[in-house]
Amino acid sequence: MSDAGDSGPGVVAMDASAGLDANPSSDASTDGPVAAGDANVDDGGPCADVPPRECVGTAAFWGELVRFEPAEAEGYVDYPVIDETASNQYRSYARRDVVALVQYAAARVACVTRDDAPTFHPLGLGDMSEADGSIPGTSGGDPGHPAGTHTAGTDVDVSYYQLGTADNQIRPVCPVRSGGVDVYHCSAAPTSLDVRRTTLFFAALAESDQLRVIGVDGQIGTLVLGDLDALCAAGTVPAAACTRLRERLAFETTDGGLGWFYFHYARATVSFRRP
């Protein structure tokens, strides 16, 4: 199923080149040390030992496309999707720095909320890129996303954290039918979205300036921004991450010609810059 909504920003004001269908900037040519965003926030508390977010090393190393491994670790599960198998997850290749950022954010949410109600389940990961950087499905003659998206290992589909489900695999978290017809976006308020954990995950990604845009359904985006305001007011989320997420969360609440971010009722697409 193509992601017809993987294009353009939504209600949040963004640079015209920052939509989900825009190609990230080119890799730096330097072989010197690079860092993927700001240094980790070390609060000295129980979450200070989550996987590091910063990438110290060469641009060439951190820009390599690699299989997202391990497939299961603290806070996430990269499970087989579409026609993948456990031994051939060919749709799960990403840049090393992108892998590090997603692993950091998922582990951060797990640490902060594992003991909270409702019961914690790991975040489900979906499409990334193929091993050569092409759109998932290209090798089988059926690219699963629009041109310009999910290429070069910079985009990752992630599930939403959910309420009342046995896991957090990619599935609709809201009604999607109107008049008996699937309208490809939330037709009413989400019924199974875990807003707090979803917001915390997005905010953890936004700690890094390498985050380019997060595309979500309009009704989900509205709830996330509302929860973000509360978290930022309480000082739970660093101020820089608050500003960055408000700027880079993209969605439409009405049809403004960008497709209402179709199919984002089941998962978000997080997209990163190439530093």
C-alpha atoms as a PDB file:
ATOM      1  CA  MET A   1       0.000   0.000   0.000  1.00  0.00           C
ATOM      2  CA  SER A   2       1.537   3.294  -1.022  1.00  0.00           C
ATOM      3  CA  ASP A   3       1.921   6.148   1.450  1.00  0.00           C
ATOM      4  CA  ALA A   4      -0.039   8.763  -0.439  1.00  0.00           C
ATOM      5  CA  GLY A   5       0.369  11.127   2.472  1.00  0.00           C
ATOM      6  CA  ASP A   6       4.188  11.040   2.563  1.00  0.00           C
ATOM      7  CA  SER A   7       4.369  14.539   1.160  1.00  0.00           C
ATOM      8  CA  GLY A   8       4.558  18.018   2.531  1.00  0.00           C
ATOM      9  CA  PRO A   9       4.053  19.577   5.946  1.00  0.00           C
ATOM     10  CA  GLY A  10       0.714  19.900   7.620  1.00  0.00           C
ATOM     11  CA  VAL A  11      -0.657  22.506   9.966  1.00  0.00           C
ATOM     12  CA  VAL A  12       2.762  23.219  11.448  1.00  0.00           C
ATOM     13  CA  ALA A  13       4.693  25.936   9.654  1.00  0.00           C
ATOM     14  CA  MET A  14       7.787  24.454   8.042  1.00  0.00           C
ATOM     15  CA  ASP A  15      10.321  25.238   5.360  1.00  0.00           C
ATOM     16  CA  ALA A  16       8.968  24.386   1.921  1.00  0.00           C
ATOM     17  CA  SER A  17      11.765  21.875   1.392  1.00  0.00           C
ATOM     18  CA  ALA A  18      11.085  20.006   4.611  1.00  0.00           C
ATOM     19  CA  GLY A  19       8.158  17.861   3.507  1.00  0.00           C
ATOM     20  CA  LEU A  20       8.295  14.094   3.646  1.00  0.00           C
ATOM     21  CA  ASP A  21       8.814  13.933  -0.100  1.00  0.00           C
ATOM     22  CA  ALA A  22      11.857  16.191  -0.069  1.00  0.00           C
ATOM     23  CA  ASN A  23      15.295  14.644  -0.323  1.00  0.00           C
ATOM     24  CA  PRO A  24      17.501  15.349   2.694  1.00  0.00           C
ATOM     25  CA  SER A  25      20.675  17.342   2.167  1.00  0.00           C
ATOM     26  CA  SER A  26      23.743  15.582   0.864  1.00  0.00           C
ATOM     27  CA  ASP A  27      26.256  13.939   3.154  1.00  0.00           C
ATOM     28  CA  ALA A  28      29.185  15.992   4.256  1.00  0.00           C
ATOM     29  CA  SER A  29      32.337  15.009   2.398  1.00  0.00           C
ATOM     30  CA  THR A  30      34.562  15.294   5.444  1.00  0.00           C
ATOM     31  CA  ASP A  31      36.031  12.222   7.092  1.00  0.00           C
ATOM     32  CA  GLY A  32      36.440  14.079  10.351  1.00  0.00           C
ATOM     33  CA  PRO A  33      34.414  13.534  13.521  1.00  0.00           C
ATOM     34  CA  VAL A  34      30.720  14.235  13.263  1.00  0.00           C
ATOM     35  CA  ALA A  35      27.919  14.165  15.811  1.00  0.00           C
ATOM     36  CA  ALA A  36      24.292  13.312  15.090  1.00  0.00           C
ATOM     37  CA  GLY A  37      22.689  16.179  16.950  1.00  0.00           C
ATOM     38  CA  ASP A  38      23.188  17.439  20.466  1.00  0.00           C
ATOM     39  CA  ALA A  39      24.892  15.416  23.160  1.00  0.00           C
ATOM     40  CA  ASN A  40      22.721  13.110  25.228  1.00  0.00           C
ATOM     41  CA  VAL A  41      20.949  14.701  28.141  1.00  0.00           C
ATOM     42  CA  ASP A  42      22.615  13.067  31.150  1.00  0.00           C
ATOM     43  CA  ASP A  43      20.190  13.557  34.010  1.00  0.00           C
ATOM     44  CA  GLY A  44      22.274  11.439  36.348  1.00  0.00           C
ATOM     45  CA  GLY A  45      19.184   9.376  37.020  1.00  0.00           C
ATOM     46  CA  PRO A  46      18.077   5.855  36.163  1.00  0.00           C
ATOM     47  CA  CYS A  47      17.870   6.645  32.432  1.00  0.00           C
ATOM     48  CA  ALA A  48      21.385   7.998  32.091  1.00  0.00           C
ATOM     49  CA  ASP A  49      22.594   4.674  30.658  1.00  0.00           C
ATOM     50  CA  VAL A  50      20.281   4.445  27.650  1.00  0.00           C
ATOM     51  CA  PRO A  51      22.088   3.864  24.315  1.00  0.00           C
ATOM     52  CA  PRO A  52      24.051   6.940  23.231  1.00  0.00           C
ATOM     53  CA  ARG A  53      22.411   9.193  20.688  1.00  0.00           C
ATOM     54  CA  GLU A  54      25.485  11.065  19.591  1.00  0.00           C
ATOM     55  CA  CYS A  55      27.579   9.554  16.811  1.00  0.00           C
ATOM     56  CA  VAL A  56      31.273  10.198  17.326  1.00  0.00           C
ATOM     57  CA  GLY A  57      33.369   9.073  14.371  1.00  0.00           C
ATOM     58  CA  THR A  58      33.541   9.737  10.651  1.00  0.00           C
ATOM     59  CA  ALA A  59      30.753  10.860   8.379  1.00  0.00           C
ATOM     60  CA  ALA A  60      31.510   7.912   6.101  1.00  0.00           C
ATOM     61  CA  PHE A  61      31.012   5.402   8.914  1.00  0.00           C
ATOM     62  CA  TRP A  62      27.804   6.846  10.340  1.00  0.00           C
ATOM     63  CA  GLY A  63      26.381   7.350   6.864  1.00  0.00           C
ATOM     64  CA  GLU A  64      26.655   3.655   5.978  1.00  0.00           C
ATOM     65  CA  LEU A  65      23.418   1.756   5.352  1.00  0.00           C
ATOM     66  CA  VAL A  66      23.160  -1.199   7.696  1.00  0.00           C
ATOM     67  CA  ARG A  67      20.537  -3.706   8.723  1.00  0.00           C
ATOM     68  CA  PHE A  68      18.655  -2.353  11.742  1.00  0.00           C
ATOM     69  CA  GLU A  69      20.170  -4.587  14.413  1.00  0.00           C
ATOM     70  CA  PRO A  70      19.515  -6.013  16.828  1.00  0.00           C
ATOM     71  CA  ALA A  71      15.977  -6.647  15.641  1.00  0.00           C
ATOM     72  CA  GLU A  72      14.784  -6.480  19.230  1.00  0.00           C
ATOM     73  CA  ALA A  73      16.309  -4.508  22.073  1.00  0.00           C
ATOM     74  CA  GLU A  74      15.316  -2.169  24.880  1.00  0.00           C
ATOM     75  CA  GLY A  75      12.057  -0.483  23.938  1.00  0.00           C
ATOM     76  CA  TYR A  76      11.550  -1.641  20.331  1.00  0.00           C
ATOM     77  CA  VAL A  77      10.935  -4.604  18.024  1.00  0.00           C
ATOM     78  CA  ASP A  78      11.718  -4.569  14.302  1.00  0.00           C
ATOM     79  CA  TYR A  79       9.261  -7.250  13.236  1.00  0.00           C
ATOM     80  CA  PRO A  80       8.757  -8.623   9.684  1.00  0.00           C
ATOM     81  CA  VAL A  81       6.305  -6.554   7.603  1.00  0.00           C
ATOM     82  CA  ILE A  82       4.668  -7.041   4.193  1.00  0.00           C
ATOM     83  CA  ASP A  83       6.533  -9.977   2.589  1.00  0.00           C
ATOM     84  CA  GLU A  84       9.526 -10.025   4.951  1.00  0.00           C
ATOM     85  CA  THR A  85      10.491 -13.038   7.027  1.00  0.00           C
ATOM     86  CA  ALA A  86      12.448 -13.151  10.270  1.00  0.00           C
ATOM     87  CA  SER A  87      15.511 -14.250   8.300  1.00  0.00           C
ATOM     88  CA  ASN A  88      15.061 -11.743   5.471  1.00  0.00           C
ATOM     89  CA  GLN A  89      14.017  -8.316   6.678  1.00  0.00           C
ATOM     90  CA  TYR A  90      15.142  -6.671   3.467  1.00  0.00           C
ATOM     91  CA  ARG A  91      13.008  -3.553   4.090  1.00  0.00           C
ATOM     92  CA  SER A  92      14.919  -2.691   7.269  1.00  0.00           C
ATOM     93  CA  TYR A  93      18.085  -0.870   6.252  1.00  0.00           C
ATOM     94  CA  ALA A  94      18.971   2.550   7.615  1.00  0.00           C
ATOM     95  CA  ARG A  95      21.945   4.814   8.148  1.00  0.00           C
ATOM     96  CA  ARG A  96      23.954   4.027  11.271  1.00  0.00           C
ATOM     97  CA  ASP A  97      23.170   7.435  12.760  1.00  0.00           C
ATOM     98  CA  VAL A  98      19.434   6.936  12.159  1.00  0.00           C
ATOM     99  CA  VAL A  99      19.582   3.516  13.851  1.00  0.00           C
ATOM    100  CA  ALA A 100      21.291   5.105  16.857  1.00  0.00           C
ATOM    101  CA  LEU A 101      18.695   7.872  17.161  1.00  0.00           C
ATOM    102  CA  VAL A 102      15.720   5.503  17.003  1.00  0.00           C
ATOM    103  CA  GLN A 103      17.299   3.082  19.470  1.00  0.00           C
ATOM    104  CA  TYR A 104      18.022   5.958  21.857  1.00  0.00           C
ATOM    105  CA  ALA A 105      14.464   7.329  21.727  1.00  0.00           C
ATOM    106  CA  ALA A 106      12.819   3.914  22.144  1.00  0.00           C
ATOM    107  CA  ALA A 107      15.038   3.018  25.098  1.00  0.00           C
ATOM    108  CA  ARG A 108      14.383   6.409  26.669  1.00  0.00           C
ATOM    109  CA  VAL A 109      10.607   5.894  26.572  1.00  0.00           C
ATOM    110  CA  ALA A 110      10.959   2.357  27.904  1.00  0.00           C
ATOM    111  CA  CYS A 111      13.036   3.556  30.848  1.00  0.00           C
ATOM    112  CA  VAL A 112      10.811   6.501  31.717  1.00  0.00           C
ATOM    113  CA  THR A 113       7.444   4.727  31.388  1.00  0.00           C
ATOM    114  CA  ARG A 114       8.012   0.997  31.845  1.00  0.00           C
ATOM    115  CA  ASP A 115       6.410   0.964  35.290  1.00  0.00           C
ATOM    116  CA  ASP A 116       3.556   3.281  34.349  1.00  0.00           C
ATOM    117  CA  ALA A 117       0.027   2.206  33.488  1.00  0.00           C
ATOM    118  CA  PRO A 118      -0.995   0.912  31.029  1.00  0.00           C
ATOM    119  CA  THR A 119       1.372  -2.038  30.573  1.00  0.00           C
ATOM    120  CA  PHE A 120       4.420  -1.166  28.494  1.00  0.00           C
ATOM    121  CA  HIS A 121       4.950  -2.821  25.113  1.00  0.00           C
ATOM    122  CA  PRO A 122       7.967  -2.189  22.837  1.00  0.00           C
ATOM    123  CA  LEU A 123       7.560   0.129  19.855  1.00  0.00           C
ATOM    124  CA  GLY A 124       7.088  -1.630  16.510  1.00  0.00           C
ATOM    125  CA  LEU A 125       9.326  -0.615  13.597  1.00  0.00           C
ATOM    126  CA  GLY A 126       8.257  -0.878   9.951  1.00  0.00           C
ATOM    127  CA  ASP A 127       9.630   0.147   6.569  1.00  0.00           C
ATOM    128  CA  MET A 128      13.020   1.847   6.206  1.00  0.00           C
ATOM    129  CA  SER A 129      14.993   1.321   2.960  1.00  0.00           C
ATOM    130  CA  GLU A 130      16.410  -1.646   1.071  1.00  0.00           C
ATOM    131  CA  ALA A 131      20.104  -2.500   1.352  1.00  0.00           C
ATOM    132  CA  ASP A 132      20.999  -0.388  -1.694  1.00  0.00           C
ATOM    133  CA  GLY A 133      19.052   2.593  -0.369  1.00  0.00           C
ATOM    134  CA  SER A 134      16.028   2.097  -2.610  1.00  0.00           C
ATOM    135  CA  ILE A 135      12.372   2.300  -1.574  1.00  0.00           C
ATOM    136  CA  PRO A 136      11.195  -0.911   0.134  1.00  0.00           C
ATOM    137  CA  GLY A 137       9.613  -3.188  -2.447  1.00  0.00           C
ATOM    138  CA  THR A 138      11.711  -1.880  -5.333  1.00  0.00           C
ATOM    139  CA  SER A 139      13.636  -5.148  -5.669  1.00  0.00           C
ATOM    140  CA  GLY A 140      10.339  -6.951  -6.240  1.00  0.00           C
ATOM    141  CA  GLY A 141       9.072  -4.393  -8.714  1.00  0.00           C
ATOM    142  CA  ASP A 142       6.556  -2.828  -6.319  1.00  0.00           C
ATOM    143  CA  PRO A 143       7.934   0.223  -4.457  1.00  0.00           C
ATOM    144  CA  GLY A 144       5.805   0.712  -1.366  1.00  0.00           C
ATOM    145  CA  HIS A 145       6.196   4.487  -1.014  1.00  0.00           C
ATOM    146  CA  PRO A 146       6.197   7.586  -3.262  1.00  0.00           C
ATOM    147  CA  ALA A 147       9.370   8.577  -5.085  1.00  0.00           C
ATOM    148  CA  GLY A 148      11.742  10.538  -2.890  1.00  0.00           C
ATOM    149  CA  THR A 149      10.682   8.851   0.345  1.00  0.00           C
ATOM    150  CA  HIS A 150      12.265   5.930   2.196  1.00  0.00           C
ATOM    151  CA  THR A 151      15.477   6.240   0.189  1.00  0.00           C
ATOM    152  CA  ALA A 152      19.085   6.241   1.408  1.00  0.00           C
ATOM    153  CA  GLY A 153      18.125   4.982   4.858  1.00  0.00           C
ATOM    154  CA  THR A 154      16.886   8.303   6.238  1.00  0.00           C
ATOM    155  CA  ASP A 155      13.175   7.463   6.780  1.00  0.00           C
ATOM    156  CA  VAL A 156      11.682   4.997   9.255  1.00  0.00           C
ATOM    157  CA  ASP A 157       8.042   3.991   9.720  1.00  0.00           C
ATOM    158  CA  VAL A 158       7.192   3.469  13.378  1.00  0.00           C
ATOM    159  CA  SER A 159       4.010   2.340  15.069  1.00  0.00           C
ATOM    160  CA  TYR A 160       2.204   4.456  17.600  1.00  0.00           C
ATOM    161  CA  TYR A 161       2.230   3.392  21.227  1.00  0.00           C
ATOM    162  CA  GLN A 162      -1.187   1.905  21.898  1.00  0.00           C
ATOM    163  CA  LEU A 163      -3.788   1.284  24.581  1.00  0.00           C
ATOM    164  CA  GLY A 164      -5.660  -2.003  24.972  1.00  0.00           C
ATOM    165  CA  THR A 165      -3.549  -4.004  22.511  1.00  0.00           C
ATOM    166  CA  ALA A 166      -1.206  -6.964  23.031  1.00  0.00           C
ATOM    167  CA  ASP A 167       1.672  -5.188  21.277  1.00  0.00           C
ATOM    168  CA  ASN A 168       2.560  -2.008  19.418  1.00  0.00           C
ATOM    169  CA  GLN A 169       2.618  -3.331  15.885  1.00  0.00           C
ATOM    170  CA  ILE A 170       1.547  -1.055  13.037  1.00  0.00           C
ATOM    171  CA  ARG A 171      -2.261  -0.897  12.991  1.00  0.00           C
ATOM    172  CA  PRO A 172      -4.958   1.810  12.905  1.00  0.00           C
ATOM    173  CA  VAL A 173      -5.391   3.594  16.234  1.00  0.00           C
ATOM    174  CA  CYS A 174      -8.613   5.351  15.204  1.00  0.00           C
ATOM    175  CA  PRO A 175     -11.756   4.845  13.114  1.00  0.00           C
ATOM    176  CA  VAL A 176     -10.898   5.121   9.416  1.00  0.00           C
ATOM    177  CA  ARG A 177     -14.297   4.810   7.735  1.00  0.00           C
ATOM    178  CA  SER A 178     -16.860   7.434   6.868  1.00  0.00           C
ATOM    179  CA  GLY A 179     -20.183   6.446   5.326  1.00  0.00           C
ATOM    180  CA  GLY A 180     -18.922   2.882   5.160  1.00  0.00           C
ATOM    181  CA  VAL A 181     -15.890   3.880   3.064  1.00  0.00           C
ATOM    182  CA  ASP A 182     -12.223   3.804   4.099  1.00  0.00           C
ATOM    183  CA  VAL A 183     -11.051   7.430   3.871  1.00  0.00           C
ATOM    184  CA  TYR A 184      -7.381   6.582   4.575  1.00  0.00           C
ATOM    185  CA  HIS A 185      -7.105   8.913   7.560  1.00  0.00           C
ATOM    186  CA  CYS A 186      -8.665   9.144  11.015  1.00  0.00           C
ATOM    187  CA  SER A 187     -12.374   9.831  10.551  1.00  0.00           C
ATOM    188  CA  ALA A 188     -12.856  10.321  14.306  1.00  0.00           C
ATOM    189  CA  ALA A 189     -10.721  10.756  17.391  1.00  0.00           C
ATOM    190  CA  PRO A 190      -8.149   8.023  18.115  1.00  0.00           C
ATOM    191  CA  THR A 191      -9.450   5.245  20.344  1.00  0.00           C
ATOM    192  CA  SER A 192      -6.284   3.273  21.115  1.00  0.00           C
ATOM    193  CA  LEU A 193      -3.500   5.857  20.896  1.00  0.00           C
ATOM    194  CA  ASP A 194      -1.168   6.064  23.901  1.00  0.00           C
ATOM    195  CA  VAL A 195      -0.622   9.794  23.576  1.00  0.00           C
ATOM    196  CA  ARG A 196       1.893  10.216  26.390  1.00  0.00           C
ATOM    197  CA  ARG A 197       4.360   7.540  25.251  1.00  0.00           C
ATOM    198  CA  THR A 198       4.012   8.575  21.606  1.00  0.00           C
ATOM    199  CA  THR A 199       4.740  12.196  22.505  1.00  0.00           C
ATOM    200  CA  LEU A 200       7.724  11.228  24.642  1.00  0.00           C
ATOM    201  CA  PHE A 201       9.181   9.179  21.775  1.00  0.00           C
ATOM    202  CA  PHE A 202       8.818  12.025  19.291  1.00  0.00           C
ATOM    203  CA  ALA A 203      10.304  14.433  21.832  1.00  0.00           C
ATOM    204  CA  ALA A 204      13.306  12.158  22.386  1.00  0.00           C
ATOM    205  CA  LEU A 205      13.945  12.151  18.637  1.00  0.00           C
ATOM    206  CA  ALA A 206      13.607  15.940  18.639  1.00  0.00           C
ATOM    207  CA  GLU A 207      16.507  16.235  21.071  1.00  0.00           C
ATOM    208  CA  SER A 208      18.637  15.914  17.923  1.00  0.00           C
ATOM    209  CA  ASP A 209      18.711  18.555  15.204  1.00  0.00           C
ATOM    210  CA  GLN A 210      19.152  15.702  12.748  1.00  0.00           C
ATOM    211  CA  LEU A 211      15.380  15.177  12.952  1.00  0.00           C
ATOM    212  CA  ARG A 212      13.892  16.593   9.744  1.00  0.00           C
ATOM    213  CA  VAL A 213      10.169  15.901   9.992  1.00  0.00           C
ATOM    214  CA  ILE A 214       7.667  13.511  11.582  1.00  0.00           C
ATOM    215  CA  GLY A 215       4.544  12.848   9.521  1.00  0.00           C
ATOM    216  CA  VAL A 216       1.392  11.806  11.392  1.00  0.00           C
ATOM    217  CA  ASP A 217      -2.366  11.801  10.941  1.00  0.00           C
ATOM    218  CA  GLY A 218      -4.050  15.131  11.675  1.00  0.00           C
ATOM    219  CA  GLN A 219      -6.081  13.980  14.654  1.00  0.00           C
ATOM    220  CA  ILE A 220      -3.017  12.302  16.136  1.00  0.00           C
ATOM    221  CA  GLY A 221      -0.849  15.372  15.578  1.00  0.00           C
ATOM    222  CA  THR A 222      -3.311  17.598  17.411  1.00  0.00           C
ATOM    223  CA  LEU A 223      -3.259  15.323  20.472  1.00  0.00           C
ATOM    224  CA  VAL A 224       0.541  15.060  20.444  1.00  0.00           C
ATOM    225  CA  LEU A 225       0.995  18.840  20.358  1.00  0.00           C
ATOM    226  CA  GLY A 226      -1.454  19.259  23.216  1.00  0.00           C
ATOM    227  CA  ASP A 227       0.414  16.718  25.324  1.00  0.00           C
ATOM    228  CA  LEU A 228       3.748  18.264  24.346  1.00  0.00           C
ATOM    229  CA  ASP A 229       2.612  21.610  25.739  1.00  0.00           C
ATOM    230  CA  ALA A 230       1.963  19.963  29.115  1.00  0.00           C
ATOM    231  CA  LEU A 231       5.290  18.108  29.113  1.00  0.00           C
ATOM    232  CA  CYS A 232       7.218  21.227  28.151  1.00  0.00           C
ATOM    233  CA  ALA A 233       5.480  23.351  30.779  1.00  0.00           C
ATOM    234  CA  ALA A 234       6.447  20.765  33.402  1.00  0.00           C
ATOM    235  CA  GLY A 235      10.069  20.719  32.221  1.00  0.00           C
ATOM    236  CA  THR A 236       9.860  17.012  31.336  1.00  0.00           C
ATOM    237  CA  VAL A 237      11.063  17.676  27.785  1.00  0.00           C
ATOM    238  CA  PRO A 238      14.137  19.883  27.164  1.00  0.00           C
ATOM    239  CA  ALA A 239      13.261  23.316  25.786  1.00  0.00           C
ATOM    240  CA  ALA A 240      15.187  22.809  22.539  1.00  0.00           C
ATOM    241  CA  ALA A 241      13.311  19.550  21.864  1.00  0.00           C
ATOM    242  CA  CYS A 242       9.991  21.288  22.573  1.00  0.00           C
ATOM    243  CA  THR A 243      10.705  23.949  19.959  1.00  0.00           C
ATOM    244  CA  ARG A 244      12.056  21.482  17.433  1.00  0.00           C
ATOM    245  CA  LEU A 245       9.127  19.082  17.680  1.00  0.00           C
ATOM    246  CA  ARG A 246       6.573  21.874  17.329  1.00  0.00           C
ATOM    247  CA  GLU A 247       8.354  22.972  14.148  1.00  0.00           C
ATOM    248  CA  ARG A 248       8.844  19.523  12.650  1.00  0.00           C
ATOM    249  CA  LEU A 249       5.667  17.609  13.413  1.00  0.00           C
ATOM    250  CA  ALA A 250       3.735  17.592  10.117  1.00  0.00           C
ATOM    251  CA  PHE A 251       0.036  16.838   9.606  1.00  0.00           C
ATOM    252  CA  GLU A 252      -3.240  18.101   8.185  1.00  0.00           C
ATOM    253  CA  THR A 253      -6.536  18.372  10.051  1.00  0.00           C
ATOM    254  CA  THR A 254      -8.440  19.178   6.847  1.00  0.00           C
ATOM    255  CA  ASP A 255      -7.709  18.397   3.227  1.00  0.00           C
ATOM    256  CA  GLY A 256      -5.304  21.128   2.224  1.00  0.00           C
ATOM    257  CA  GLY A 257      -4.187  19.337  -0.902  1.00  0.00           C
ATOM    258  CA  LEU A 258      -1.459  17.265   0.700  1.00  0.00           C
ATOM    259  CA  GLY A 259      -3.490  14.087   1.052  1.00  0.00           C
ATOM    260  CA  TRP A 260      -4.241  14.356   4.756  1.00  0.00           C
ATOM    261  CA  PHE A 261      -1.134  12.210   5.271  1.00  0.00           C
ATOM    262  CA  TYR A 262      -3.015   9.138   4.113  1.00  0.00           C
ATOM    263  CA  PHE A 263      -2.313   5.863   5.925  1.00  0.00           C
ATOM    264  CA  HIS A 264      -0.660   7.643   8.845  1.00  0.00           C
ATOM    265  CA  TYR A 265      -3.583   6.490  10.956  1.00  0.00           C
ATOM    266  CA  ALA A 266      -1.505   3.348  11.584  1.00  0.00           C
ATOM    267  CA  ARG A 267       2.054   4.613  11.807  1.00  0.00           C
ATOM    268  CA  ALA A 268       4.237   7.690  11.793  1.00  0.00           C
ATOM    269  CA  THR A 269       7.052   8.340   9.336  1.00  0.00           C
ATOM    270  CA  VAL A 270      10.151   9.850  10.938  1.00  0.00           C
ATOM    271  CA  SER A 271      12.667  11.394   8.565  1.00  0.00           C
ATOM    272  CA  PHE A 272      16.196  12.535   9.320  1.00  0.00           C
ATOM    273  CA  ARG A 273      18.734  14.854   7.728  1.00  0.00           C
ATOM    274  CA  ARG A 274      22.095  13.620   6.520  1.00  0.00           C
ATOM    275  CA  PRO A 275      24.557  15.741   8.535  1.00  0.00           C
END
